[in-house]
Amino acid sequence: MFSYLSHLVCQSCKSVYSIEENRKQCNCNAPIFAEYNYNLMKKNMTKDEWATRPNNIWRYHELLPVFDSTYIVSLEESNTPILKFERYGKKASLNNIFVKNEGALPTGTFKSRGASVGVSKIKEMGMKSIGIATNGNAGSAWAFYAARAGIPITITMPSSSPLIPQRECEVAGGDLHLIHGTIAEAGKILKEIIHDDDPNMYNVSTFNEPYRLEGKKTMGYEIAEQFNWNLPDAIVYPTGGGAGVIGIYKAFRELQQLGWVGERLPKLVVIQAHGCAPIVKAYNEDVRFTELWKDPETVAFGMRVPKPSADFLILDLIKQTNGIAISVDDREIQETRNSAVRLEGLHMCPEGAAALAGTRKLQELGWFSKEDKVLVINTGIGLKNF
C-alpha cells in the first residue's frame, strides 16, 4: 500500500472522523490528527525497507496521507543533515551536541515538509485554492509549492515580517496581504478574505487542518534513522506555533506502535524568546493552556506567536517527557548566531540560534549532563533573516 491512512482523531475530545469527510477541525474546534493502520503496516514491511528508497521525505509514504503518488507535489525534499558541533560543544561543556540543519531544504526552512505533503493532499482532494496566515517562511514555502501544483494561494502576513519571505510570496504569484498586528490578526483577516466555509478553499494555517502536520513529522522519522533507531536524550526545539515539535513526537509515537523504537522518548526542551514566551509562562505556572501574550517582539520572528492554538499539546509533551521550557533574549540569540558561524561554519536562523542558546543556558544551570546526546533543531537558513 502507498498509504495506510485510516481515520482522523480529535486531540481534545477524541472524536473520530472519516477521512472521506475532508474535515479540517473537530466540532469542539480542537485540532484533528491523521491516524494510520499500524498493525497492517507492521505485518507488511520492516524499517529496513525505508533505507532502500530515495533520500527524501516521500520515502515514508506509508505514513503520509496521500494515496495516489501521481498527486505528489515535490521540489525534492532531501533528508537534512545532522552536524556534530565539536568546537561549540567544548565551549558549552557538552560532548554530544548535534544540530539538524533544516535550512538545507528547497525553500530554506523546515516549512518545505508541510508544504509538500499538504499541497499534495490538497491536490488529491480536488481543492481549488489555498489560504494561509503566516509569520513569513510558511507563506513563502506554501507559495512555491502551490505554484508548482498550479493552485492559487492567498497569504496574510504581518507587515513587520522579514522582507525576504514577503518578496518570495510575490515572486511565486501568491496573493499577499500585509496586515498590521501579529499572526493572530493575520489569521482573522484571512478568514474574512477567503470565506473559510467555501468547500473549494483549504485554509492551511497552523492546526486549522490535519495534513500540514504530516509533512512536519517526517523530521522525526529522519532523526530515528540518523541515530540508528536509538533516539537522542533530548530534542531542543525553538517553538512558536508548535507544529514542528508536535510533528516530531507524533512520528516517534507512530514508530513506537510499529515497534521500531523503544519506549523512552527524548526529553522535549522548548525554547522561546523573552519577548514572546507564552509556553514558558504556562510551563512555569504549571497550567495546561496559555494566555495571550501582549505586544510580542523578538528578532526570532517565527516564534512571535502570541497564543499557540495547540498549546495544551505542547505542554503535555513537555510534562510527559520530563522536559522543560525556557526563554532566551535577543542578545543571546544574536551572539549565538555569530558563534555558530565562527565555530562551526553554520549560518543559523534566529530561531535555531535561540534553541542553541537555550541549550547552553540549560547546561550552565546543570540541567544537562556533559555526556547527554542533545539534538538542536535549526529550522532554517540564516540568509532569510540577514
Protein backbone atom coordinates (compact mmCIF):
# COMPACT_ATOMS: atom_id res chain seq x y z
CA MET A 1 0.00 0.00 0.00
CA PHE A 2 1.17 3.52 -0.74
CA SER A 3 -0.55 4.96 2.38
CA TYR A 4 -2.01 3.32 5.48
CA LEU A 5 -4.06 6.41 6.39
CA SER A 6 -7.23 5.22 8.12
CA HIS A 7 -9.05 7.96 10.09
CA LEU A 8 -8.83 11.30 11.92
CA VAL A 9 -8.88 11.79 15.70
CA CYS A 10 -9.58 14.93 17.76
CA GLN A 11 -6.74 15.74 20.14
CA SER A 12 -9.09 17.07 22.79
CA CYS A 13 -12.38 15.17 22.95
CA LYS A 14 -11.06 12.13 20.98
CA SER A 15 -13.90 12.14 18.46
CA VAL A 16 -13.15 10.01 15.40
CA TYR A 17 -13.80 11.18 11.84
CA SER A 18 -13.69 9.52 8.45
CA ILE A 19 -11.02 10.65 6.02
CA GLU A 20 -13.77 10.86 3.39
CA GLU A 21 -15.21 13.96 5.10
CA ASN A 22 -12.32 16.28 4.22
CA ARG A 23 -12.82 17.63 7.73
CA LYS A 24 -10.46 20.37 8.94
CA GLN A 25 -11.12 20.53 12.70
CA CYS A 26 -13.24 18.81 15.33
CA ASN A 27 -16.72 20.02 16.26
CA CYS A 28 -15.13 21.16 19.54
CA ASN A 29 -12.71 23.34 17.47
CA ALA A 30 -9.64 21.35 18.58
CA PRO A 31 -7.02 20.03 16.11
CA ILE A 32 -7.59 16.65 14.48
CA PHE A 33 -4.68 14.35 13.61
CA ALA A 34 -4.30 11.69 10.95
CA GLU A 35 -4.02 8.09 12.14
CA TYR A 36 -2.85 5.02 10.25
CA ASN A 37 -3.36 1.25 10.26
CA TYR A 38 -0.14 0.50 12.12
CA ASN A 39 -0.92 -3.20 12.67
CA LEU A 40 -1.38 -3.83 8.96
CA MET A 41 1.76 -1.88 8.11
CA LYS A 42 3.71 -3.82 10.71
CA LYS A 43 2.71 -7.08 9.00
CA ASN A 44 3.70 -5.86 5.55
CA MET A 45 7.11 -4.20 6.00
CA THR A 46 10.12 -3.55 8.21
CA LYS A 47 12.04 -0.37 8.91
CA ASP A 48 14.92 -1.58 6.75
CA GLU A 49 12.80 -1.03 3.63
CA TRP A 50 12.86 2.74 4.10
CA ALA A 51 16.66 2.75 3.81
CA THR A 52 16.49 1.29 0.28
CA ARG A 53 14.49 4.23 -1.09
CA PRO A 54 15.44 7.68 -2.44
CA ASN A 55 16.71 10.08 0.20
CA ASN A 56 13.65 12.32 0.52
CA ILE A 57 10.55 12.71 2.70
CA TRP A 58 8.39 10.63 0.37
CA ARG A 59 10.35 7.51 1.28
CA TYR A 60 8.00 7.45 4.29
CA HIS A 61 4.87 7.37 2.11
CA GLU A 62 3.12 4.61 4.10
CA LEU A 63 2.75 7.08 6.99
CA LEU A 64 1.84 10.07 4.83
CA PRO A 65 -1.75 10.90 3.84
CA VAL A 66 -1.54 10.74 0.02
CA PHE A 67 -2.99 7.57 -1.54
CA ASP A 68 -2.07 8.15 -5.18
CA SER A 69 1.58 9.02 -5.92
CA THR A 70 0.61 10.89 -9.10
CA TYR A 71 -0.63 13.73 -6.90
CA ILE A 72 2.73 14.27 -5.17
CA VAL A 73 3.99 17.85 -5.43
CA SER A 74 7.69 17.91 -4.64
CA LEU A 75 10.83 20.00 -5.03
CA GLU A 76 12.94 17.02 -3.89
CA GLU A 77 12.88 17.48 -0.12
CA SER A 78 16.04 15.57 0.71
CA ASN A 79 16.66 14.38 4.25
CA THR A 80 18.50 17.14 6.10
CA PRO A 81 21.97 16.64 7.63
CA ILE A 82 22.77 16.31 11.31
CA LEU A 83 26.04 18.01 12.25
CA LYS A 84 28.03 17.36 15.41
CA PHE A 85 29.09 20.65 16.98
CA GLU A 86 32.51 19.75 18.36
CA ARG A 87 34.00 23.20 18.98
CA TYR A 88 30.78 24.76 20.19
CA GLY A 89 30.21 21.68 22.34
CA LYS A 90 33.52 22.21 24.12
CA LYS A 91 32.57 25.80 24.79
CA ALA A 92 29.20 24.69 26.16
CA SER A 93 30.61 21.69 28.10
CA LEU A 94 28.51 19.23 26.09
CA ASN A 95 30.34 16.36 24.41
CA ASN A 96 27.44 15.23 22.23
CA ILE A 97 25.61 18.23 20.85
CA PHE A 98 24.15 17.83 17.36
CA VAL A 99 22.29 20.24 15.07
CA LYS A 100 19.78 19.14 12.43
CA ASN A 101 20.01 21.71 9.65
CA GLU A 102 16.58 22.24 8.10
CA GLY A 103 17.97 25.14 6.09
CA ALA A 104 19.10 22.56 3.52
CA LEU A 105 15.51 22.05 2.29
CA PRO A 106 14.35 23.56 -1.04
CA THR A 107 12.72 26.69 0.42
CA GLY A 108 15.44 27.14 3.04
CA THR A 109 13.28 26.11 6.02
CA PHE A 110 11.51 23.13 7.55
CA LYS A 111 8.29 24.57 6.11
CA SER A 112 9.05 22.68 2.86
CA ARG A 113 7.96 19.46 4.57
CA GLY A 114 4.46 20.57 5.49
CA ALA A 115 4.01 22.38 2.17
CA SER A 116 4.98 19.39 0.03
CA VAL A 117 2.71 16.94 1.85
CA GLY A 118 -0.08 19.47 2.40
CA VAL A 119 -0.25 20.68 -1.21
CA SER A 120 -0.10 17.07 -2.44
CA LYS A 121 -3.09 16.10 -0.29
CA ILE A 122 -5.00 19.23 -1.30
CA LYS A 123 -4.43 18.34 -4.95
CA GLU A 124 -5.62 14.79 -4.31
CA MET A 125 -8.76 16.08 -2.56
CA GLY A 126 -9.55 18.27 -5.55
CA MET A 127 -9.45 21.60 -3.69
CA LYS A 128 -9.18 24.63 -5.98
CA SER A 129 -7.39 27.20 -3.81
CA ILE A 130 -5.33 27.59 -0.62
CA GLY A 131 -5.23 30.16 2.17
CA ILE A 132 -2.60 30.63 4.88
CA ALA A 133 -1.84 33.06 7.70
CA THR A 134 1.89 33.17 8.39
CA ASN A 135 4.78 34.93 10.07
CA GLY A 136 6.75 34.63 6.83
CA ASN A 137 8.52 31.40 5.93
CA ALA A 138 5.44 29.18 5.84
CA GLY A 139 3.80 31.62 3.45
CA SER A 140 6.71 31.63 1.02
CA ALA A 141 7.12 27.83 1.18
CA TRP A 142 3.43 27.23 0.50
CA ALA A 143 3.51 29.82 -2.29
CA PHE A 144 6.30 27.91 -4.04
CA TYR A 145 4.58 24.53 -3.75
CA ALA A 146 1.21 25.98 -4.72
CA ALA A 147 2.86 27.45 -7.81
CA ARG A 148 4.35 24.06 -8.67
CA ALA A 149 0.91 22.48 -8.29
CA GLY A 150 -0.85 25.21 -10.28
CA ILE A 151 -3.12 26.10 -7.35
CA PRO A 152 -3.77 29.77 -6.42
CA ILE A 153 -2.89 30.80 -2.87
CA THR A 154 -3.94 33.71 -0.63
CA ILE A 155 -1.47 34.73 2.10
CA THR A 156 -1.93 37.07 5.07
CA MET A 157 1.24 38.15 6.86
CA PRO A 158 2.24 40.82 9.40
CA SER A 159 3.79 43.79 7.60
CA SER A 160 6.66 43.62 10.11
CA SER A 161 7.66 40.14 8.84
CA PRO A 162 11.12 39.72 7.30
CA LEU A 163 11.28 41.15 3.79
CA ILE A 164 12.65 38.07 2.01
CA PRO A 165 9.59 35.84 2.67
CA GLN A 166 7.36 38.73 1.58
CA ARG A 167 9.23 39.03 -1.72
CA GLU A 168 9.19 35.25 -2.20
CA CYS A 169 5.40 35.15 -1.87
CA GLU A 170 5.08 37.85 -4.51
CA VAL A 171 7.59 36.26 -6.89
CA ALA A 172 5.74 32.93 -6.63
CA GLY A 173 2.49 34.64 -7.64
CA GLY A 174 0.78 34.45 -4.26
CA ASP A 175 -1.99 36.90 -3.39
CA LEU A 176 -0.17 38.54 -0.46
CA HIS A 177 -1.98 40.74 2.08
CA LEU A 178 0.25 42.54 4.58
CA ILE A 179 -1.57 43.45 7.78
CA HIS A 180 -0.87 45.42 10.93
CA GLY A 181 -0.57 43.21 14.01
CA THR A 182 0.55 39.66 14.72
CA ILE A 183 -0.11 36.29 13.12
CA ALA A 184 -3.25 36.11 15.27
CA GLU A 185 -4.69 39.13 13.44
CA ALA A 186 -3.46 37.69 10.13
CA GLY A 187 -5.50 34.55 10.81
CA LYS A 188 -8.67 36.56 11.47
CA ILE A 189 -8.26 38.65 8.33
CA LEU A 190 -7.55 35.58 6.21
CA LYS A 191 -10.93 34.10 7.14
CA GLU A 192 -12.61 37.34 6.07
CA ILE A 193 -10.79 37.38 2.73
CA ILE A 194 -11.14 33.74 1.68
CA HIS A 195 -14.55 32.83 3.11
CA ASP A 196 -13.36 29.84 5.15
CA ASP A 197 -16.62 27.97 4.60
CA ASP A 198 -16.00 27.75 0.83
CA PRO A 199 -15.77 23.99 0.08
CA ASN A 200 -13.16 24.64 -2.64
CA MET A 201 -10.87 26.70 -0.36
CA TYR A 202 -8.46 24.97 2.01
CA ASN A 203 -7.12 27.05 4.92
CA VAL A 204 -3.77 25.56 5.98
CA SER A 205 -2.97 27.94 8.85
CA THR A 206 -1.32 26.14 11.77
CA PHE A 207 -3.53 23.35 13.16
CA ASN A 208 -6.50 24.53 11.11
CA GLU A 209 -6.41 21.16 9.25
CA PRO A 210 -4.70 17.77 9.75
CA TYR A 211 -2.36 17.26 6.80
CA ARG A 212 0.28 20.00 7.06
CA LEU A 213 1.46 18.36 10.29
CA GLU A 214 2.03 15.09 8.46
CA GLY A 215 4.81 16.69 6.46
CA LYS A 216 6.41 18.23 9.55
CA LYS A 217 6.55 14.86 11.31
CA THR A 218 8.99 13.47 8.73
CA MET A 219 11.70 15.18 10.79
CA GLY A 220 11.02 12.54 13.44
CA TYR A 221 11.46 9.62 11.03
CA GLU A 222 14.73 11.08 9.79
CA ILE A 223 16.02 11.58 13.33
CA ALA A 224 15.26 7.95 14.19
CA GLU A 225 17.06 6.70 11.10
CA GLN A 226 20.01 9.06 11.51
CA PHE A 227 20.52 7.95 15.12
CA ASN A 228 20.24 4.29 14.08
CA TRP A 229 16.85 3.93 15.80
CA ASN A 230 18.30 4.94 19.20
CA LEU A 231 16.73 8.32 19.88
CA PRO A 232 18.78 11.12 21.50
CA ASP A 233 18.43 12.04 25.16
CA ALA A 234 16.86 15.42 24.41
CA ILE A 235 15.49 17.41 21.50
CA VAL A 236 15.73 21.20 21.72
CA TYR A 237 13.19 22.99 19.55
CA PRO A 238 12.51 26.72 19.02
CA THR A 239 8.76 26.97 19.35
CA GLY A 240 6.16 29.37 18.01
CA GLY A 241 3.02 27.60 16.82
CA GLY A 242 4.45 24.21 17.75
CA ALA A 243 3.69 22.17 14.61
CA GLY A 244 7.32 21.12 14.18
CA VAL A 245 7.83 19.77 17.66
CA ILE A 246 4.39 18.14 17.84
CA GLY A 247 5.06 16.54 14.47
CA ILE A 248 8.39 15.06 15.59
CA TYR A 249 6.84 13.43 18.64
CA LYS A 250 3.86 12.21 16.62
CA ALA A 251 6.38 10.42 14.40
CA PHE A 252 8.14 8.91 17.42
CA ARG A 253 4.87 7.55 18.78
CA GLU A 254 3.99 6.06 15.42
CA LEU A 255 7.38 4.36 15.33
CA GLN A 256 6.68 3.01 18.82
CA GLN A 257 3.42 1.49 17.58
CA LEU A 258 5.38 -0.22 14.83
CA GLY A 259 7.93 -1.49 17.38
CA TRP A 260 10.77 0.30 15.59
CA VAL A 261 11.93 2.45 18.54
CA GLY A 262 11.86 1.86 22.28
CA GLU A 263 9.51 3.20 24.95
CA ARG A 264 11.80 6.04 26.06
CA LEU A 265 11.24 9.31 24.23
CA PRO A 266 13.76 12.19 24.22
CA LYS A 267 13.14 14.93 26.76
CA LEU A 268 11.44 17.81 25.00
CA VAL A 269 13.12 21.17 25.52
CA VAL A 270 11.02 24.09 24.26
CA ILE A 271 12.83 27.36 23.66
CA GLN A 272 11.08 30.68 23.24
CA ALA A 273 12.17 34.33 23.19
CA HIS A 274 11.81 36.63 26.21
CA GLY A 275 9.67 38.94 24.06
CA CYS A 276 7.10 36.21 23.27
CA ALA A 277 7.08 33.26 25.64
CA PRO A 278 3.51 32.11 26.33
CA ILE A 279 4.51 28.42 26.54
CA VAL A 280 7.30 29.18 29.02
CA LYS A 281 4.95 31.23 31.18
CA ALA A 282 2.33 28.47 31.22
CA TYR A 283 5.00 25.85 31.98
CA ASN A 284 6.34 27.86 34.92
CA GLU A 285 2.81 28.36 36.25
CA ASP A 286 2.01 24.65 35.74
CA VAL A 287 -1.12 25.31 33.72
CA ARG A 288 -2.29 23.49 30.58
CA PHE A 289 -3.28 26.48 28.43
CA THR A 290 -1.50 29.72 27.56
CA GLU A 291 -2.65 33.30 27.95
CA LEU A 292 -2.49 35.70 25.01
CA TRP A 293 0.96 37.32 25.04
CA LYS A 294 0.63 41.09 24.72
CA ASP A 295 2.88 43.07 22.37
CA PRO A 296 5.13 40.19 21.23
CA GLU A 297 8.55 41.32 19.99
CA THR A 298 11.69 39.35 19.09
CA VAL A 299 14.27 39.04 16.30
CA ALA A 300 13.24 35.37 16.05
CA PHE A 301 10.12 36.25 14.09
CA GLY A 302 8.99 32.65 13.60
CA MET A 303 8.46 32.41 17.36
CA ARG A 304 6.29 35.52 17.52
CA VAL A 305 3.07 33.59 18.13
CA PRO A 306 1.12 35.20 21.00
CA LYS A 307 -1.11 32.18 21.70
CA PRO A 308 -0.38 28.80 20.05
CA SER A 309 -3.62 27.01 19.17
CA ALA A 310 -2.10 23.66 20.20
CA ASP A 311 -0.63 24.99 23.44
CA PHE A 312 -2.07 22.14 25.54
CA LEU A 313 -0.43 19.54 23.29
CA ILE A 314 2.99 21.18 23.60
CA LEU A 315 2.70 21.50 27.37
CA ASP A 316 1.52 17.89 27.68
CA LEU A 317 4.56 16.71 25.69
CA ILE A 318 6.95 18.64 27.92
CA LYS A 319 5.43 17.03 31.00
CA GLN A 320 5.22 13.52 29.52
CA THR A 321 8.89 13.53 28.52
CA ASN A 322 10.20 15.22 31.69
CA GLY A 323 11.26 18.15 29.57
CA ILE A 324 11.42 21.86 30.20
CA ALA A 325 10.57 25.25 28.64
CA ILE A 326 12.83 28.30 28.93
CA SER A 327 13.32 31.57 27.10
CA VAL A 328 16.36 33.48 25.86
CA ASP A 329 16.75 37.15 24.99
CA ASP A 330 17.52 38.69 21.61
CA ARG A 331 21.11 39.48 22.60
CA GLU A 332 21.75 35.80 23.35
CA ILE A 333 20.20 34.85 20.03
CA GLN A 334 22.40 37.22 18.03
CA GLU A 335 25.56 36.24 19.90
CA THR A 336 24.82 32.56 19.33
CA ARG A 337 24.25 33.10 15.59
CA ASN A 338 27.72 34.61 15.42
CA SER A 339 29.28 31.81 17.47
CA ALA A 340 27.69 29.08 15.35
CA VAL A 341 29.16 30.57 12.17
CA ARG A 342 32.61 31.23 13.62
CA LEU A 343 32.97 27.93 15.46
CA GLU A 344 31.04 25.54 13.20
CA GLY A 345 30.52 27.32 9.87
CA LEU A 346 26.72 27.11 10.04
CA HIS A 347 24.69 30.27 9.50
CA MET A 348 21.64 29.54 11.61
CA CYS A 349 18.30 31.30 11.51
CA PRO A 350 17.41 33.33 14.64
CA GLU A 351 15.02 30.60 15.82
CA GLY A 352 17.69 27.88 15.53
CA ALA A 353 20.19 30.11 17.31
CA ALA A 354 17.65 30.60 20.09
CA ALA A 355 17.47 26.82 20.53
CA LEU A 356 21.26 26.57 20.65
CA ALA A 357 21.47 29.46 23.14
CA GLY A 358 18.86 27.77 25.32
CA THR A 359 20.83 24.52 25.25
CA ARG A 360 23.94 26.24 26.56
CA LYS A 361 21.93 28.08 29.22
CA LEU A 362 20.45 24.80 30.49
CA GLN A 363 23.89 23.20 30.62
CA GLU A 364 25.12 26.11 32.73
CA LEU A 365 22.17 25.53 35.05
CA GLY A 366 23.10 21.85 35.35
CA TRP A 367 20.00 20.57 33.57
CA PHE A 368 22.02 18.53 31.05
CA SER A 369 24.83 16.16 31.88
CA LYS A 370 28.05 16.56 29.92
CA GLU A 371 27.51 13.25 28.08
CA ASP A 372 23.84 13.74 27.17
CA LYS A 373 23.14 13.29 23.48
CA VAL A 374 21.35 16.55 22.65
CA LEU A 375 19.80 17.36 19.25
CA VAL A 376 19.10 21.00 18.44
CA ILE A 377 16.80 21.80 15.51
CA ASN A 378 17.89 24.67 13.28
CA THR A 379 14.63 25.39 11.48
CA GLY A 380 16.01 27.42 8.57
CA ILE A 381 18.80 29.12 6.70
CA GLY A 382 20.26 32.29 8.18
CA LEU A 383 20.15 34.28 4.93
CA LYS A 384 16.38 34.73 5.21
CA ASN A 385 16.94 36.96 8.27
CA PHE A 386 20.15 38.80 7.41
